[in-house]
Every structure is written in C-alpha cells, then in structure tokens.
Amino acid sequence: MSLCDPFSRRINYLRISVTDRCNLRCVYCMPEEGVTLKRHEEILSLEEIEAFTRVAVSMGINKVRITGGEPLVRKGITTLVSRLSLINGITDLTMTTNGILLAQYAHELKAAGLHRINVSLDSVDPERFREITRIGDISLVLAGIDAAQEAGLLPIKLNCVITKSASEPHAVAVAEYARQRGFEIRYIRQMDLCSGSFWVVQGGEGGNCSRCNKLRLTSTGGLRPCLFSDVEYDIRALGYEEAIKVSVECKPERGTISKSGSFNGIGG
C-alpha cells in the first residue's frame, strides 16, 4: 500500500514529536524563560505512538524520525525506539537530538534498534554555542557525537542553523569539524512559522515543497500535513487511519504560514 497526495507526491515519511520539553533554550526556537508546557495527559503515551506508527506503516510509511522538543528528555525513549524498531516495514528509523544527553543514551539507542542520528550543532565554539543555546555546554554535545560514532549510529548528520549563508564563520567551522570527522552536514536557514519564511535545506530536501513526502505527528496527537500550515487533525478524535487519510488528502501544494504551531511541539 502507498499514500499519494493530490499533487502526486508519495507520502512515506513520518516525523514524530515525542515531547514539547527541551533542555536547551536556543534563541531561534524558544524564549529564554521557556514555554508553557502541555499537561501530562495531553502528551501521547508510548503505547499510542507505537499503535499509530503501526497503522501508518501499514498504509505506506517506511521512514520514521523521532523528534521533540528534545526527544532524549522523554521518559522511556529507548523503550519507544525498541518498540518501533520491531515494526515490519520501517526501513529508516532515525532521531534528531541536540546531543546534550547523547553520550548517556547512544549505545542504548543503537541496541534498541535506532539506525542513525542527526545532531543539531550550530557552532563548535564554546562561547558562541552557549550564546545560541543560552545554557548549553558544547563539550557534552561533542562527547555525545563521539559516543554515537562509537555505537555505530551512522551516518551521523549535523544540522547547522544559519542566518543567511553557509559561509558564516560558525557554519564554516562546523563544516570543517564535519569534514575532519567524516560526517554529513545540513544547513538550515532560520525559519519563521508566523511569516511563512522558509528555504530549502542545503544538503537535504527539507523545505522543498515540490518533493515533500512528510507527515508530522505532534506530541499532543495532532497530525499535520505541512509544517507551514495550521491544518491539523486529532488522531485521538478521528482515529489513526482516518487522520492519516485526511492529512494526505488535504496536504497543500506548498507551505504558507502557521500561527498555531511551534517548533518545540511540532519538531521542525
């Protein structure tokens, strides 16, 4: 079975936000004081995430990415990875993390069945990294990347947020670090949901509406056919299969704006 939207795009990629919580306060994502967090009962349980993913895979999804917030702050995250890894039909099971807790979890994640990992890394300079994240310690992230490499979570891809250009000094330094270590790098220009400002990811396919193959499941159970849209379907209210069908049927040709979304809840 396969999923195809009204613009003949095959939809085979599900991004799952497992939490709206994060242990950093990056300036382009969150205010310094943080955000109002969802109540525990609003957040999808591990069982709900697994059950929904099984239905999605039976309908044609074969690529699954776990996101947040920061997914490694979610209690039971390796249990979830283990459960998802057992779903027949997932050919690519990945995670995006800020790396702060990665040294602690890398080997456990690999043993649970995670295939590979993306790490957000906007600078390798300790002072600049702390400026961007407000509270982050770059040494923890670098240790996490080392652990991921040792565990075999390969290929490691680095997500580097830029203001306008990949030639910005800190982006160049991250690229050199990636080159020395044999990692891939993706440059993500700063986006704004409310104004609809987004660009194609350099080194990836994100932001290329003509080739978009994604659905996004929020931490509270909203299924979004597009990051830059307020259209969202409640999987608890509609049922899993119906929510997937209507999300694919109503997927827009391209993104516009989103007044109701936030990166920490949708997962970017």
C-alpha atoms as a PDB file:
ATOM      1  CA  MET A   1       0.000   0.000   0.000  1.00  0.00           C
ATOM      2  CA  SER A   2       1.187   3.538  -0.665  1.00  0.00           C
ATOM      3  CA  LEU A   3      -0.001   7.022   0.188  1.00  0.00           C
ATOM      4  CA  CYS A   4      -0.201   9.645  -2.540  1.00  0.00           C
ATOM      5  CA  ASP A   5      -1.349  13.235  -2.098  1.00  0.00           C
ATOM      6  CA  PRO A   6      -3.360  15.344  -4.609  1.00  0.00           C
ATOM      7  CA  PHE A   7      -0.118  16.541  -6.202  1.00  0.00           C
ATOM      8  CA  SER A   8       1.195  13.036  -6.942  1.00  0.00           C
ATOM      9  CA  ARG A   9       3.741  13.115  -4.139  1.00  0.00           C
ATOM     10  CA  ARG A  10       4.299   9.781  -2.428  1.00  0.00           C
ATOM     11  CA  ILE A  11       3.990  10.275   1.346  1.00  0.00           C
ATOM     12  CA  ASN A  12       6.269   7.808   3.110  1.00  0.00           C
ATOM     13  CA  TYR A  13       7.941   9.822   5.901  1.00  0.00           C
ATOM     14  CA  LEU A  14       6.551  10.320   9.419  1.00  0.00           C
ATOM     15  CA  ARG A  15       8.177  12.695  11.887  1.00  0.00           C
ATOM     16  CA  ILE A  16       7.088  12.052  15.475  1.00  0.00           C
ATOM     17  CA  SER A  17       7.479  14.700  18.168  1.00  0.00           C
ATOM     18  CA  VAL A  18       7.594  12.757  21.435  1.00  0.00           C
ATOM     19  CA  THR A  19       7.767  15.751  23.795  1.00  0.00           C
ATOM     20  CA  ASP A  20       7.453  19.530  23.873  1.00  0.00           C
ATOM     21  CA  ARG A  21      10.188  19.736  26.530  1.00  0.00           C
ATOM     22  CA  CYS A  22      13.788  20.695  25.846  1.00  0.00           C
ATOM     23  CA  ASN A  23      16.943  21.048  27.935  1.00  0.00           C
ATOM     24  CA  LEU A  24      18.208  23.995  25.851  1.00  0.00           C
ATOM     25  CA  ARG A  25      16.747  27.424  25.085  1.00  0.00           C
ATOM     26  CA  CYS A  26      18.011  28.143  21.575  1.00  0.00           C
ATOM     27  CA  VAL A  27      17.368  31.736  20.593  1.00  0.00           C
ATOM     28  CA  TYR A  28      15.642  30.842  17.314  1.00  0.00           C
ATOM     29  CA  CYS A  29      13.335  28.260  18.889  1.00  0.00           C
ATOM     30  CA  MET A  30      12.317  29.245  22.415  1.00  0.00           C
ATOM     31  CA  PRO A  31      12.190  32.283  24.697  1.00  0.00           C
ATOM     32  CA  GLU A  32      14.763  32.351  27.500  1.00  0.00           C
ATOM     33  CA  GLU A  33      12.159  31.559  30.159  1.00  0.00           C
ATOM     34  CA  GLY A  34      10.889  28.593  28.148  1.00  0.00           C
ATOM     35  CA  VAL A  35       7.289  27.965  27.103  1.00  0.00           C
ATOM     36  CA  THR A  36       4.130  26.800  28.811  1.00  0.00           C
ATOM     37  CA  LEU A  37       4.369  23.016  28.766  1.00  0.00           C
ATOM     38  CA  LYS A  38       1.491  20.707  27.939  1.00  0.00           C
ATOM     39  CA  ARG A  39      -0.146  18.695  30.696  1.00  0.00           C
ATOM     40  CA  HIS A  40       0.973  15.088  31.036  1.00  0.00           C
ATOM     41  CA  GLU A  41      -2.392  13.740  29.927  1.00  0.00           C
ATOM     42  CA  GLU A  42      -2.228  15.777  26.720  1.00  0.00           C
ATOM     43  CA  ILE A  43       1.007  14.127  25.590  1.00  0.00           C
ATOM     44  CA  LEU A  44       0.738  10.927  23.573  1.00  0.00           C
ATOM     45  CA  SER A  45       1.730   7.823  25.513  1.00  0.00           C
ATOM     46  CA  LEU A  46       4.389   5.448  24.206  1.00  0.00           C
ATOM     47  CA  GLU A  47       1.632   2.953  23.507  1.00  0.00           C
ATOM     48  CA  GLU A  48      -0.331   5.477  21.433  1.00  0.00           C
ATOM     49  CA  ILE A  49       2.770   6.439  19.441  1.00  0.00           C
ATOM     50  CA  GLU A  50       3.572   2.805  18.715  1.00  0.00           C
ATOM     51  CA  ALA A  51      -0.009   1.951  17.725  1.00  0.00           C
ATOM     52  CA  PHE A  52      -0.302   4.980  15.443  1.00  0.00           C
ATOM     53  CA  THR A  53       3.039   4.220  13.805  1.00  0.00           C
ATOM     54  CA  ARG A  54       1.981   0.633  13.112  1.00  0.00           C
ATOM     55  CA  VAL A  55      -1.105   1.893  11.284  1.00  0.00           C
ATOM     56  CA  ALA A  56       0.934   4.498   9.376  1.00  0.00           C
ATOM     57  CA  VAL A  57       3.444   1.869   8.252  1.00  0.00           C
ATOM     58  CA  SER A  58       0.650  -0.460   7.141  1.00  0.00           C
ATOM     59  CA  MET A  59      -0.578   2.398   4.925  1.00  0.00           C
ATOM     60  CA  GLY A  60       2.758   3.147   3.275  1.00  0.00           C
ATOM     61  CA  ILE A  61       5.066   4.962   5.711  1.00  0.00           C
ATOM     62  CA  ASN A  62       8.560   3.429   5.747  1.00  0.00           C
ATOM     63  CA  LYS A  63      10.707   6.243   7.155  1.00  0.00           C
ATOM     64  CA  VAL A  64      10.246   7.381  10.773  1.00  0.00           C
ATOM     65  CA  ARG A  65      12.120  10.156  12.595  1.00  0.00           C
ATOM     66  CA  ILE A  66      11.799  10.790  16.331  1.00  0.00           C
ATOM     67  CA  THR A  67      11.997  14.460  17.314  1.00  0.00           C
ATOM     68  CA  GLY A  68      10.987  16.805  20.127  1.00  0.00           C
ATOM     69  CA  GLY A  69      11.448  19.285  21.778  1.00  0.00           C
ATOM     70  CA  GLU A  70      14.433  17.187  22.765  1.00  0.00           C
ATOM     71  CA  PRO A  71      13.489  13.509  22.411  1.00  0.00           C
ATOM     72  CA  LEU A  72      16.100  12.259  24.878  1.00  0.00           C
ATOM     73  CA  VAL A  73      14.342  14.023  27.771  1.00  0.00           C
ATOM     74  CA  ARG A  74      11.246  11.858  27.176  1.00  0.00           C
ATOM     75  CA  LYS A  75      10.954   9.147  29.800  1.00  0.00           C
ATOM     76  CA  GLY A  76      11.100   5.705  28.183  1.00  0.00           C
ATOM     77  CA  ILE A  77      12.593   6.919  24.913  1.00  0.00           C
ATOM     78  CA  THR A  78      14.719   3.809  24.380  1.00  0.00           C
ATOM     79  CA  THR A  79      11.690   1.636  25.071  1.00  0.00           C
ATOM     80  CA  LEU A  80       9.837   3.508  22.333  1.00  0.00           C
ATOM     81  CA  VAL A  81      12.750   3.065  19.918  1.00  0.00           C
ATOM     82  CA  SER A  82      12.789  -0.643  20.683  1.00  0.00           C
ATOM     83  CA  ARG A  83       9.068  -0.969  20.000  1.00  0.00           C
ATOM     84  CA  LEU A  84       9.235   0.997  16.761  1.00  0.00           C
ATOM     85  CA  SER A  85      12.239  -0.964  15.551  1.00  0.00           C
ATOM     86  CA  LEU A  86      10.138  -4.142  15.660  1.00  0.00           C
ATOM     87  CA  ILE A  87       7.536  -2.767  13.245  1.00  0.00           C
ATOM     88  CA  ASN A  88       7.949  -4.621   9.975  1.00  0.00           C
ATOM     89  CA  GLY A  89       8.176  -2.128   7.111  1.00  0.00           C
ATOM     90  CA  ILE A  90      10.240   0.653   8.688  1.00  0.00           C
ATOM     91  CA  THR A  91      13.395   0.843   6.607  1.00  0.00           C
ATOM     92  CA  ASP A  92      14.825   4.011   8.162  1.00  0.00           C
ATOM     93  CA  LEU A  93      14.414   4.724  11.898  1.00  0.00           C
ATOM     94  CA  THR A  94      16.193   7.896  12.932  1.00  0.00           C
ATOM     95  CA  MET A  95      16.282  10.617  15.572  1.00  0.00           C
ATOM     96  CA  THR A  96      17.154  14.295  15.741  1.00  0.00           C
ATOM     97  CA  THR A  97      18.722  15.413  19.034  1.00  0.00           C
ATOM     98  CA  ASN A  98      20.590  18.381  20.435  1.00  0.00           C
ATOM     99  CA  GLY A  99      23.184  15.915  21.741  1.00  0.00           C
ATOM    100  CA  ILE A 100      23.274  17.053  25.365  1.00  0.00           C
ATOM    101  CA  LEU A 101      22.245  13.608  26.658  1.00  0.00           C
ATOM    102  CA  LEU A 102      23.555  11.590  23.718  1.00  0.00           C
ATOM    103  CA  ALA A 103      26.674  10.241  25.439  1.00  0.00           C
ATOM    104  CA  GLN A 104      24.384   8.683  28.023  1.00  0.00           C
ATOM    105  CA  TYR A 105      21.995   7.126  25.506  1.00  0.00           C
ATOM    106  CA  ALA A 106      23.920   6.420  22.274  1.00  0.00           C
ATOM    107  CA  HIS A 107      24.798   2.764  22.868  1.00  0.00           C
ATOM    108  CA  GLU A 108      21.403   2.078  24.399  1.00  0.00           C
ATOM    109  CA  LEU A 109      19.654   3.608  21.372  1.00  0.00           C
ATOM    110  CA  LYS A 110      21.706   1.530  18.962  1.00  0.00           C
ATOM    111  CA  ALA A 111      20.954  -1.638  20.902  1.00  0.00           C
ATOM    112  CA  ALA A 112      17.262  -0.713  20.865  1.00  0.00           C
ATOM    113  CA  GLY A 113      17.292  -0.572  17.069  1.00  0.00           C
ATOM    114  CA  LEU A 114      17.841   3.065  16.102  1.00  0.00           C
ATOM    115  CA  HIS A 115      19.560   3.207  12.722  1.00  0.00           C
ATOM    116  CA  ARG A 116      21.205   6.621  12.678  1.00  0.00           C
ATOM    117  CA  ILE A 117      21.113  10.075  14.167  1.00  0.00           C
ATOM    118  CA  ASN A 118      21.081  13.792  13.337  1.00  0.00           C
ATOM    119  CA  VAL A 119      22.661  16.172  15.842  1.00  0.00           C
ATOM    120  CA  SER A 120      21.896  19.888  15.964  1.00  0.00           C
ATOM    121  CA  LEU A 121      25.198  21.765  16.022  1.00  0.00           C
ATOM    122  CA  ASP A 122      25.217  25.472  15.197  1.00  0.00           C
ATOM    123  CA  SER A 123      28.743  26.212  16.431  1.00  0.00           C
ATOM    124  CA  VAL A 124      31.799  24.381  17.725  1.00  0.00           C
ATOM    125  CA  ASP A 125      32.967  27.433  19.658  1.00  0.00           C
ATOM    126  CA  PRO A 126      32.015  27.041  23.355  1.00  0.00           C
ATOM    127  CA  GLU A 127      31.128  30.694  23.914  1.00  0.00           C
ATOM    128  CA  ARG A 128      29.124  31.042  20.713  1.00  0.00           C
ATOM    129  CA  PHE A 129      27.355  27.741  21.408  1.00  0.00           C
ATOM    130  CA  ARG A 130      26.294  28.990  24.831  1.00  0.00           C
ATOM    131  CA  GLU A 131      25.076  32.271  23.301  1.00  0.00           C
ATOM    132  CA  ILE A 132      22.884  30.408  20.831  1.00  0.00           C
ATOM    133  CA  THR A 133      21.557  27.816  23.288  1.00  0.00           C
ATOM    134  CA  ARG A 134      21.646  30.136  26.330  1.00  0.00           C
ATOM    135  CA  ILE A 135      22.539  27.255  28.677  1.00  0.00           C
ATOM    136  CA  GLY A 136      24.307  24.648  26.545  1.00  0.00           C
ATOM    137  CA  ASP A 137      27.701  23.024  27.165  1.00  0.00           C
ATOM    138  CA  ILE A 138      29.366  22.159  23.846  1.00  0.00           C
ATOM    139  CA  SER A 139      31.586  19.551  25.486  1.00  0.00           C
ATOM    140  CA  LEU A 140      28.516  17.418  26.250  1.00  0.00           C
ATOM    141  CA  VAL A 141      27.396  17.549  22.629  1.00  0.00           C
ATOM    142  CA  LEU A 142      30.823  16.658  21.251  1.00  0.00           C
ATOM    143  CA  ALA A 143      31.066  13.762  23.707  1.00  0.00           C
ATOM    144  CA  GLY A 144      27.628  12.635  22.557  1.00  0.00           C
ATOM    145  CA  ILE A 145      28.697  12.702  18.919  1.00  0.00           C
ATOM    146  CA  ASP A 146      31.771  10.627  19.817  1.00  0.00           C
ATOM    147  CA  ALA A 147      29.529   8.108  21.585  1.00  0.00           C
ATOM    148  CA  ALA A 148      27.136   7.944  18.627  1.00  0.00           C
ATOM    149  CA  GLN A 149      30.018   7.226  16.292  1.00  0.00           C
ATOM    150  CA  GLU A 150      31.352   4.518  18.599  1.00  0.00           C
ATOM    151  CA  ALA A 151      27.881   2.969  18.846  1.00  0.00           C
ATOM    152  CA  GLY A 152      27.517   2.846  15.072  1.00  0.00           C
ATOM    153  CA  LEU A 153      24.624   5.301  14.701  1.00  0.00           C
ATOM    154  CA  LEU A 154      25.787   6.082  11.191  1.00  0.00           C
ATOM    155  CA  PRO A 155      25.849   8.106   9.091  1.00  0.00           C
ATOM    156  CA  ILE A 156      25.926  10.993  11.554  1.00  0.00           C
ATOM    157  CA  LYS A 157      24.414  14.136  10.106  1.00  0.00           C
ATOM    158  CA  LEU A 158      24.909  17.583  11.638  1.00  0.00           C
ATOM    159  CA  ASN A 159      22.106  20.145  11.428  1.00  0.00           C
ATOM    160  CA  CYS A 160      23.553  23.663  11.412  1.00  0.00           C
ATOM    161  CA  VAL A 161      21.186  26.630  11.599  1.00  0.00           C
ATOM    162  CA  ILE A 162      22.400  29.660   9.655  1.00  0.00           C
ATOM    163  CA  THR A 163      21.125  33.216   9.396  1.00  0.00           C
ATOM    164  CA  LYS A 164      21.529  33.600   5.645  1.00  0.00           C
ATOM    165  CA  SER A 165      24.585  31.792   4.307  1.00  0.00           C
ATOM    166  CA  ALA A 166      26.691  28.681   4.815  1.00  0.00           C
ATOM    167  CA  SER A 167      29.732  30.970   4.569  1.00  0.00           C
ATOM    168  CA  GLU A 168      29.021  32.463   8.007  1.00  0.00           C
ATOM    169  CA  PRO A 169      32.089  31.898  10.235  1.00  0.00           C
ATOM    170  CA  HIS A 170      30.481  29.498  12.705  1.00  0.00           C
ATOM    171  CA  ALA A 171      28.893  27.492   9.889  1.00  0.00           C
ATOM    172  CA  VAL A 172      32.276  27.200   8.190  1.00  0.00           C
ATOM    173  CA  ALA A 173      33.819  25.943  11.442  1.00  0.00           C
ATOM    174  CA  VAL A 174      31.092  23.310  11.833  1.00  0.00           C
ATOM    175  CA  ALA A 175      31.674  22.231   8.230  1.00  0.00           C
ATOM    176  CA  GLU A 176      35.387  21.790   8.905  1.00  0.00           C
ATOM    177  CA  TYR A 177      34.622  19.733  12.009  1.00  0.00           C
ATOM    178  CA  ALA A 178      32.263  17.579   9.931  1.00  0.00           C
ATOM    179  CA  ARG A 179      34.881  17.137   7.200  1.00  0.00           C
ATOM    180  CA  GLN A 180      37.547  16.072   9.675  1.00  0.00           C
ATOM    181  CA  ARG A 181      35.233  13.525  11.281  1.00  0.00           C
ATOM    182  CA  GLY A 182      33.606  12.242   8.110  1.00  0.00           C
ATOM    183  CA  PHE A 183      30.119  13.489   9.000  1.00  0.00           C
ATOM    184  CA  GLU A 184      27.474  14.927   6.703  1.00  0.00           C
ATOM    185  CA  ILE A 185      26.227  18.475   7.226  1.00  0.00           C
ATOM    186  CA  ARG A 186      22.906  20.140   6.514  1.00  0.00           C
ATOM    187  CA  TYR A 187      22.493  23.912   6.612  1.00  0.00           C
ATOM    188  CA  ILE A 188      19.071  25.062   7.785  1.00  0.00           C
ATOM    189  CA  ARG A 189      18.312  28.732   7.308  1.00  0.00           C
ATOM    190  CA  GLN A 190      16.368  30.251  10.200  1.00  0.00           C
ATOM    191  CA  MET A 191      12.641  29.867   9.631  1.00  0.00           C
ATOM    192  CA  ASP A 192       9.621  31.762  10.909  1.00  0.00           C
ATOM    193  CA  LEU A 193       6.314  29.908  11.088  1.00  0.00           C
ATOM    194  CA  CYS A 194       4.205  33.028  11.511  1.00  0.00           C
ATOM    195  CA  SER A 195       5.619  34.861   8.493  1.00  0.00           C
ATOM    196  CA  GLY A 196       5.985  31.779   6.336  1.00  0.00           C
ATOM    197  CA  SER A 197       9.717  32.309   5.891  1.00  0.00           C
ATOM    198  CA  PHE A 198      11.421  29.066   4.915  1.00  0.00           C
ATOM    199  CA  TRP A 199      14.035  27.823   2.473  1.00  0.00           C
ATOM    200  CA  VAL A 200      15.269  24.546   1.064  1.00  0.00           C
ATOM    201  CA  VAL A 201      17.737  22.854   3.409  1.00  0.00           C
ATOM    202  CA  GLN A 202      21.242  22.846   1.942  1.00  0.00           C
ATOM    203  CA  GLY A 203      22.443  19.253   1.904  1.00  0.00           C
ATOM    204  CA  GLY A 204      18.921  17.898   2.377  1.00  0.00           C
ATOM    205  CA  GLU A 205      15.426  18.076   0.920  1.00  0.00           C
ATOM    206  CA  GLY A 206      13.563  19.835   3.724  1.00  0.00           C
ATOM    207  CA  GLY A 207      11.753  22.959   2.590  1.00  0.00           C
ATOM    208  CA  ASN A 208      11.414  21.697  -0.989  1.00  0.00           C
ATOM    209  CA  CYS A 209       7.632  21.674  -1.245  1.00  0.00           C
ATOM    210  CA  SER A 210       7.545  20.025  -4.678  1.00  0.00           C
ATOM    211  CA  ARG A 211       9.210  16.923  -3.199  1.00  0.00           C
ATOM    212  CA  CYS A 212       7.707  16.920   0.292  1.00  0.00           C
ATOM    213  CA  ASN A 213       6.916  13.396   1.485  1.00  0.00           C
ATOM    214  CA  LYS A 214       6.236  14.117   5.175  1.00  0.00           C
ATOM    215  CA  LEU A 215       3.506  13.969   7.755  1.00  0.00           C
ATOM    216  CA  ARG A 216       4.211  15.352  11.234  1.00  0.00           C
ATOM    217  CA  LEU A 217       2.744  13.983  14.439  1.00  0.00           C
ATOM    218  CA  THR A 218       2.840  16.494  17.291  1.00  0.00           C
ATOM    219  CA  SER A 219       3.499  15.497  20.883  1.00  0.00           C
ATOM    220  CA  THR A 220      -0.188  16.036  21.672  1.00  0.00           C
ATOM    221  CA  GLY A 221      -1.527  13.882  18.847  1.00  0.00           C
ATOM    222  CA  GLY A 222      -2.115  16.409  16.100  1.00  0.00           C
ATOM    223  CA  LEU A 223      -1.256  15.125  12.632  1.00  0.00           C
ATOM    224  CA  ARG A 224      -0.004  17.906  10.379  1.00  0.00           C
ATOM    225  CA  PRO A 225       0.331  17.517   6.616  1.00  0.00           C
ATOM    226  CA  CYS A 226       2.556  20.618   6.443  1.00  0.00           C
ATOM    227  CA  LEU A 227       4.826  22.418   8.909  1.00  0.00           C
ATOM    228  CA  PHE A 228       3.892  25.816   7.473  1.00  0.00           C
ATOM    229  CA  SER A 229       0.147  25.451   7.818  1.00  0.00           C
ATOM    230  CA  ASP A 230      -2.368  25.494  10.664  1.00  0.00           C
ATOM    231  CA  VAL A 231      -4.145  22.411   9.316  1.00  0.00           C
ATOM    232  CA  GLU A 232      -4.018  19.655  11.949  1.00  0.00           C
ATOM    233  CA  TYR A 233      -6.045  16.518  12.596  1.00  0.00           C
ATOM    234  CA  ASP A 234      -6.551  14.971  16.031  1.00  0.00           C
ATOM    235  CA  ILE A 235      -5.612  11.293  15.801  1.00  0.00           C
ATOM    236  CA  ARG A 236      -7.462  10.504  19.039  1.00  0.00           C
ATOM    237  CA  ALA A 237     -10.698  12.049  17.824  1.00  0.00           C
ATOM    238  CA  LEU A 238     -10.629  10.861  14.210  1.00  0.00           C
ATOM    239  CA  GLY A 239      -8.929   7.532  14.648  1.00  0.00           C
ATOM    240  CA  TYR A 240      -5.497   6.724  13.302  1.00  0.00           C
ATOM    241  CA  GLU A 241      -6.353   5.546   9.787  1.00  0.00           C
ATOM    242  CA  GLU A 242      -8.855   8.310   9.104  1.00  0.00           C
ATOM    243  CA  ALA A 243      -6.460  11.002  10.382  1.00  0.00           C
ATOM    244  CA  ILE A 244      -3.757   9.725   8.026  1.00  0.00           C
ATOM    245  CA  LYS A 245      -6.119   9.561   5.058  1.00  0.00           C
ATOM    246  CA  VAL A 246      -7.470  13.075   5.507  1.00  0.00           C
ATOM    247  CA  SER A 247      -3.995  14.516   6.187  1.00  0.00           C
ATOM    248  CA  VAL A 248      -2.708  13.102   2.926  1.00  0.00           C
ATOM    249  CA  GLU A 249      -5.816  14.173   1.010  1.00  0.00           C
ATOM    250  CA  CYS A 250      -5.547  17.726   2.385  1.00  0.00           C
ATOM    251  CA  LYS A 251      -1.778  18.145   2.086  1.00  0.00           C
ATOM    252  CA  PRO A 252      -1.228  21.583   0.483  1.00  0.00           C
ATOM    253  CA  GLU A 253       0.870  22.091  -2.612  1.00  0.00           C
ATOM    254  CA  ARG A 254       3.232  24.305  -0.637  1.00  0.00           C
ATOM    255  CA  GLY A 255       3.633  25.836   2.785  1.00  0.00           C
ATOM    256  CA  THR A 256       2.210  29.228   3.721  1.00  0.00           C
ATOM    257  CA  ILE A 257       2.140  30.292   7.388  1.00  0.00           C
ATOM    258  CA  SER A 258       1.379  28.747  10.764  1.00  0.00           C
ATOM    259  CA  LYS A 259       0.002  30.868  13.590  1.00  0.00           C
ATOM    260  CA  SER A 260      -0.753  27.936  15.877  1.00  0.00           C
ATOM    261  CA  GLY A 261       2.409  25.862  15.617  1.00  0.00           C
ATOM    262  CA  SER A 262       5.723  25.941  17.480  1.00  0.00           C
ATOM    263  CA  PHE A 263       8.971  24.174  16.697  1.00  0.00           C
ATOM    264  CA  ASN A 264       9.231  22.637  20.167  1.00  0.00           C
ATOM    265  CA  GLY A 265       5.826  20.992  19.792  1.00  0.00           C
ATOM    266  CA  ILE A 266       5.889  20.008  16.120  1.00  0.00           C
ATOM    267  CA  GLY A 267       9.532  19.010  15.885  1.00  0.00           C
ATOM    268  CA  GLY A 268      10.612  21.206  12.984  1.00  0.00           C
END
